[in-house]
Amino acid sequence: MDPLPRLRLPAVEVRVPTEPLVGDDRVVHTVVAKRAHQIPERPPLRLAVGEHVEVGERDREWPEFVFVTASHGSGWVPARHLSASSGTAVVQTPYDTTELPTQHGDVLEVLAEDLTSGWLWCRGPGGDEGWVPAKTVEDTS
């Protein structure tokens, strides 16, 4: 069994490690946080292919996202990863809702881009990984 769960994005596959990797070749580019990003208080939701969820409201600020409730939690997920955008849906693409808290000036390594949704999967200065809104960062180049 593969020890690293997989997260699939359009044209990009991210292996989300349970521990930081040394010499990781997944880095796409580096960005700096132009403002802080605070994470939600609810625990992250990790969804597997074939899992059934109840789909609720669509996010007003992030229209690609719908709020889902699974047997083990709830969170915001891009609707395109589900078989339906309302009612009961089946997860078609694994998804991890983990968000990375940032402070102004943090240098982040971008490991995957989901520009359709407006989020980046990043590694922070302390080695933690998670989603960061693209609008809160700027390229360092």
C-alpha atoms as a PDB file:
ATOM      1  CA  MET A   1       0.000   0.000   0.000  1.00  0.00           C
ATOM      2  CA  ASP A   2       1.262   3.477  -0.922  1.00  0.00           C
ATOM      3  CA  PRO A   3       2.130   5.261   2.380  1.00  0.00           C
ATOM      4  CA  LEU A   4       1.269   8.671   0.889  1.00  0.00           C
ATOM      5  CA  PRO A   5      -2.392   9.524   0.140  1.00  0.00           C
ATOM      6  CA  ARG A   6      -2.957  11.002  -3.309  1.00  0.00           C
ATOM      7  CA  LEU A   7      -4.635  14.292  -4.146  1.00  0.00           C
ATOM      8  CA  ARG A   8      -5.596  14.732  -7.800  1.00  0.00           C
ATOM      9  CA  LEU A   9      -5.988  18.100  -9.479  1.00  0.00           C
ATOM     10  CA  PRO A  10      -6.449  18.842 -13.170  1.00  0.00           C
ATOM     11  CA  ALA A  11      -3.177  17.965 -14.920  1.00  0.00           C
ATOM     12  CA  VAL A  12      -1.393  17.759 -11.549  1.00  0.00           C
ATOM     13  CA  GLU A  13      -1.104  14.941  -9.032  1.00  0.00           C
ATOM     14  CA  VAL A  14       0.087  15.809  -5.551  1.00  0.00           C
ATOM     15  CA  ARG A  15       1.252  13.177  -3.108  1.00  0.00           C
ATOM     16  CA  VAL A  16       0.430  14.592   0.286  1.00  0.00           C
ATOM     17  CA  PRO A  17       3.050  13.279   2.729  1.00  0.00           C
ATOM     18  CA  THR A  18       2.392  12.629   6.365  1.00  0.00           C
ATOM     19  CA  GLU A  19       5.916  13.912   7.104  1.00  0.00           C
ATOM     20  CA  PRO A  20       7.995  16.580   5.336  1.00  0.00           C
ATOM     21  CA  LEU A  21      10.155  15.235   2.533  1.00  0.00           C
ATOM     22  CA  VAL A  22      13.824  16.111   2.236  1.00  0.00           C
ATOM     23  CA  GLY A  23      14.951  17.143  -1.254  1.00  0.00           C
ATOM     24  CA  ASP A  24      11.326  17.227  -2.453  1.00  0.00           C
ATOM     25  CA  ASP A  25      11.088  17.746  -6.226  1.00  0.00           C
ATOM     26  CA  ARG A  26       7.395  18.734  -6.158  1.00  0.00           C
ATOM     27  CA  VAL A  27       8.065  22.468  -5.774  1.00  0.00           C
ATOM     28  CA  VAL A  28       6.460  24.336  -8.673  1.00  0.00           C
ATOM     29  CA  HIS A  29       7.642  27.810  -7.604  1.00  0.00           C
ATOM     30  CA  THR A  30       7.967  30.037  -4.551  1.00  0.00           C
ATOM     31  CA  VAL A  31       5.554  32.736  -3.388  1.00  0.00           C
ATOM     32  CA  VAL A  32       5.416  35.163  -0.474  1.00  0.00           C
ATOM     33  CA  ALA A  33       2.314  35.835   1.619  1.00  0.00           C
ATOM     34  CA  LYS A  34       1.214  39.414   1.013  1.00  0.00           C
ATOM     35  CA  ARG A  35      -1.343  39.036   3.802  1.00  0.00           C
ATOM     36  CA  ALA A  36      -2.112  36.514   6.519  1.00  0.00           C
ATOM     37  CA  HIS A  37      -4.455  33.582   5.951  1.00  0.00           C
ATOM     38  CA  GLN A  38      -6.385  32.273   8.950  1.00  0.00           C
ATOM     39  CA  ILE A  39      -7.661  28.711   8.814  1.00  0.00           C
ATOM     40  CA  PRO A  40     -11.153  27.521   9.845  1.00  0.00           C
ATOM     41  CA  GLU A  41     -11.658  26.057  13.298  1.00  0.00           C
ATOM     42  CA  ARG A  42     -13.182  22.796  12.013  1.00  0.00           C
ATOM     43  CA  PRO A  43     -10.780  19.894  11.440  1.00  0.00           C
ATOM     44  CA  PRO A  44      -9.684  19.136   7.862  1.00  0.00           C
ATOM     45  CA  LEU A  45     -11.796  16.738   5.834  1.00  0.00           C
ATOM     46  CA  ARG A  46     -10.098  14.091   3.704  1.00  0.00           C
ATOM     47  CA  LEU A  47     -12.369  12.514   1.099  1.00  0.00           C
ATOM     48  CA  ALA A  48     -11.718   9.320  -0.849  1.00  0.00           C
ATOM     49  CA  VAL A  49     -13.040   8.281  -4.251  1.00  0.00           C
ATOM     50  CA  GLY A  50     -16.401   6.540  -3.928  1.00  0.00           C
ATOM     51  CA  GLU A  51     -17.278   8.181  -0.622  1.00  0.00           C
ATOM     52  CA  HIS A  52     -20.853   9.517  -0.320  1.00  0.00           C
ATOM     53  CA  VAL A  53     -21.399  13.086   0.867  1.00  0.00           C
ATOM     54  CA  GLU A  54     -24.323  15.443   1.289  1.00  0.00           C
ATOM     55  CA  VAL A  55     -23.831  18.624  -0.720  1.00  0.00           C
ATOM     56  CA  GLY A  56     -25.040  21.881   0.796  1.00  0.00           C
ATOM     57  CA  GLU A  57     -24.621  25.517  -0.117  1.00  0.00           C
ATOM     58  CA  ARG A  58     -22.249  26.994  -2.703  1.00  0.00           C
ATOM     59  CA  ASP A  59     -19.679  29.470  -1.339  1.00  0.00           C
ATOM     60  CA  ARG A  60     -20.340  33.105  -2.266  1.00  0.00           C
ATOM     61  CA  GLU A  61     -16.682  34.179  -2.188  1.00  0.00           C
ATOM     62  CA  TRP A  62     -15.345  30.983  -3.792  1.00  0.00           C
ATOM     63  CA  PRO A  63     -18.072  29.880  -6.270  1.00  0.00           C
ATOM     64  CA  GLU A  64     -16.203  26.715  -7.300  1.00  0.00           C
ATOM     65  CA  PHE A  65     -16.730  25.329  -3.772  1.00  0.00           C
ATOM     66  CA  VAL A  66     -19.706  23.610  -2.162  1.00  0.00           C
ATOM     67  CA  PHE A  67     -20.068  22.692   1.503  1.00  0.00           C
ATOM     68  CA  VAL A  68     -20.193  18.922   1.994  1.00  0.00           C
ATOM     69  CA  THR A  69     -20.965  16.729   4.951  1.00  0.00           C
ATOM     70  CA  ALA A  70     -19.451  13.247   5.138  1.00  0.00           C
ATOM     71  CA  SER A  71     -19.755  10.591   7.827  1.00  0.00           C
ATOM     72  CA  HIS A  72     -16.490  11.844   9.406  1.00  0.00           C
ATOM     73  CA  GLY A  73     -16.775  15.624   9.044  1.00  0.00           C
ATOM     74  CA  SER A  74     -17.597  18.544   6.809  1.00  0.00           C
ATOM     75  CA  GLY A  75     -15.833  21.164   4.715  1.00  0.00           C
ATOM     76  CA  TRP A  76     -15.611  23.075   1.456  1.00  0.00           C
ATOM     77  CA  VAL A  77     -14.784  21.061  -1.686  1.00  0.00           C
ATOM     78  CA  PRO A  78     -14.613  22.051  -5.372  1.00  0.00           C
ATOM     79  CA  ALA A  79     -17.912  20.901  -6.914  1.00  0.00           C
ATOM     80  CA  ARG A  80     -16.071  19.441  -9.923  1.00  0.00           C
ATOM     81  CA  HIS A  81     -14.672  16.700  -7.632  1.00  0.00           C
ATOM     82  CA  LEU A  82     -18.188  15.404  -6.959  1.00  0.00           C
ATOM     83  CA  SER A  83     -20.764  13.521  -9.046  1.00  0.00           C
ATOM     84  CA  ALA A  84     -23.441  16.153  -8.274  1.00  0.00           C
ATOM     85  CA  SER A  85     -23.506  19.764  -7.070  1.00  0.00           C
ATOM     86  CA  SER A  86     -26.493  19.256  -4.756  1.00  0.00           C
ATOM     87  CA  GLY A  87     -28.132  16.493  -2.731  1.00  0.00           C
ATOM     88  CA  THR A  88     -26.221  13.234  -2.268  1.00  0.00           C
ATOM     89  CA  ALA A  89     -23.016  13.015  -4.320  1.00  0.00           C
ATOM     90  CA  VAL A  90     -20.162  10.574  -4.787  1.00  0.00           C
ATOM     91  CA  VAL A  91     -16.575  11.789  -4.502  1.00  0.00           C
ATOM     92  CA  GLN A  92     -14.888  11.352  -7.904  1.00  0.00           C
ATOM     93  CA  THR A  93     -11.488  12.803  -7.022  1.00  0.00           C
ATOM     94  CA  PRO A  94      -9.735  12.493  -3.635  1.00  0.00           C
ATOM     95  CA  TYR A  95      -9.644  15.822  -1.835  1.00  0.00           C
ATOM     96  CA  ASP A  96      -8.058  17.143   1.355  1.00  0.00           C
ATOM     97  CA  THR A  97      -9.470  20.394   2.805  1.00  0.00           C
ATOM     98  CA  THR A  98      -6.377  21.119   4.939  1.00  0.00           C
ATOM     99  CA  GLU A  99      -5.559  24.833   4.860  1.00  0.00           C
ATOM    100  CA  LEU A 100      -2.186  26.321   5.703  1.00  0.00           C
ATOM    101  CA  PRO A 101      -2.180  29.325   8.052  1.00  0.00           C
ATOM    102  CA  THR A 102       0.174  32.065   6.887  1.00  0.00           C
ATOM    103  CA  GLN A 103       1.553  35.343   8.147  1.00  0.00           C
ATOM    104  CA  HIS A 104       2.483  38.367   6.046  1.00  0.00           C
ATOM    105  CA  GLY A 105       5.944  37.782   4.607  1.00  0.00           C
ATOM    106  CA  ASP A 106       5.952  33.968   4.883  1.00  0.00           C
ATOM    107  CA  VAL A 107       7.840  32.367   1.993  1.00  0.00           C
ATOM    108  CA  LEU A 108       5.881  29.377   0.689  1.00  0.00           C
ATOM    109  CA  GLU A 109       6.777  26.590  -1.703  1.00  0.00           C
ATOM    110  CA  VAL A 110       3.932  25.949  -4.147  1.00  0.00           C
ATOM    111  CA  LEU A 111       3.517  22.207  -4.679  1.00  0.00           C
ATOM    112  CA  ALA A 112       0.320  22.304  -6.768  1.00  0.00           C
ATOM    113  CA  GLU A 113      -1.917  24.931  -8.310  1.00  0.00           C
ATOM    114  CA  ASP A 114      -5.696  24.765  -8.542  1.00  0.00           C
ATOM    115  CA  LEU A 115      -6.169  28.031 -10.376  1.00  0.00           C
ATOM    116  CA  THR A 116      -9.740  27.117 -11.360  1.00  0.00           C
ATOM    117  CA  SER A 117     -10.665  27.328  -7.682  1.00  0.00           C
ATOM    118  CA  GLY A 118      -8.126  30.050  -6.833  1.00  0.00           C
ATOM    119  CA  TRP A 119      -6.060  28.027  -4.332  1.00  0.00           C
ATOM    120  CA  LEU A 120      -2.487  26.734  -4.096  1.00  0.00           C
ATOM    121  CA  TRP A 121      -1.220  23.668  -2.201  1.00  0.00           C
ATOM    122  CA  CYS A 122       1.843  25.054  -0.391  1.00  0.00           C
ATOM    123  CA  ARG A 123       4.511  24.101   2.104  1.00  0.00           C
ATOM    124  CA  GLY A 124       5.098  26.696   4.788  1.00  0.00           C
ATOM    125  CA  PRO A 125       8.310  27.723   6.546  1.00  0.00           C
ATOM    126  CA  GLY A 126       7.804  25.068   9.246  1.00  0.00           C
ATOM    127  CA  GLY A 127       7.228  22.228   6.760  1.00  0.00           C
ATOM    128  CA  ASP A 128       3.439  22.013   7.144  1.00  0.00           C
ATOM    129  CA  GLU A 129       1.368  21.782   3.962  1.00  0.00           C
ATOM    130  CA  GLY A 130      -2.113  22.904   2.981  1.00  0.00           C
ATOM    131  CA  TRP A 131      -4.240  25.089   0.753  1.00  0.00           C
ATOM    132  CA  VAL A 132      -3.646  28.856   0.597  1.00  0.00           C
ATOM    133  CA  PRO A 133      -5.794  31.315  -1.383  1.00  0.00           C
ATOM    134  CA  ALA A 134      -3.847  32.438  -4.461  1.00  0.00           C
ATOM    135  CA  LYS A 135      -5.066  36.003  -3.931  1.00  0.00           C
ATOM    136  CA  THR A 136      -3.148  36.202  -0.611  1.00  0.00           C
ATOM    137  CA  VAL A 137       0.290  35.524  -2.143  1.00  0.00           C
ATOM    138  CA  GLU A 138       2.565  36.915  -4.844  1.00  0.00           C
ATOM    139  CA  ASP A 139       5.374  35.358  -6.863  1.00  0.00           C
ATOM    140  CA  THR A 140       8.896  35.941  -5.630  1.00  0.00           C
ATOM    141  CA  SER A 141      10.322  36.103  -9.153  1.00  0.00           C
END
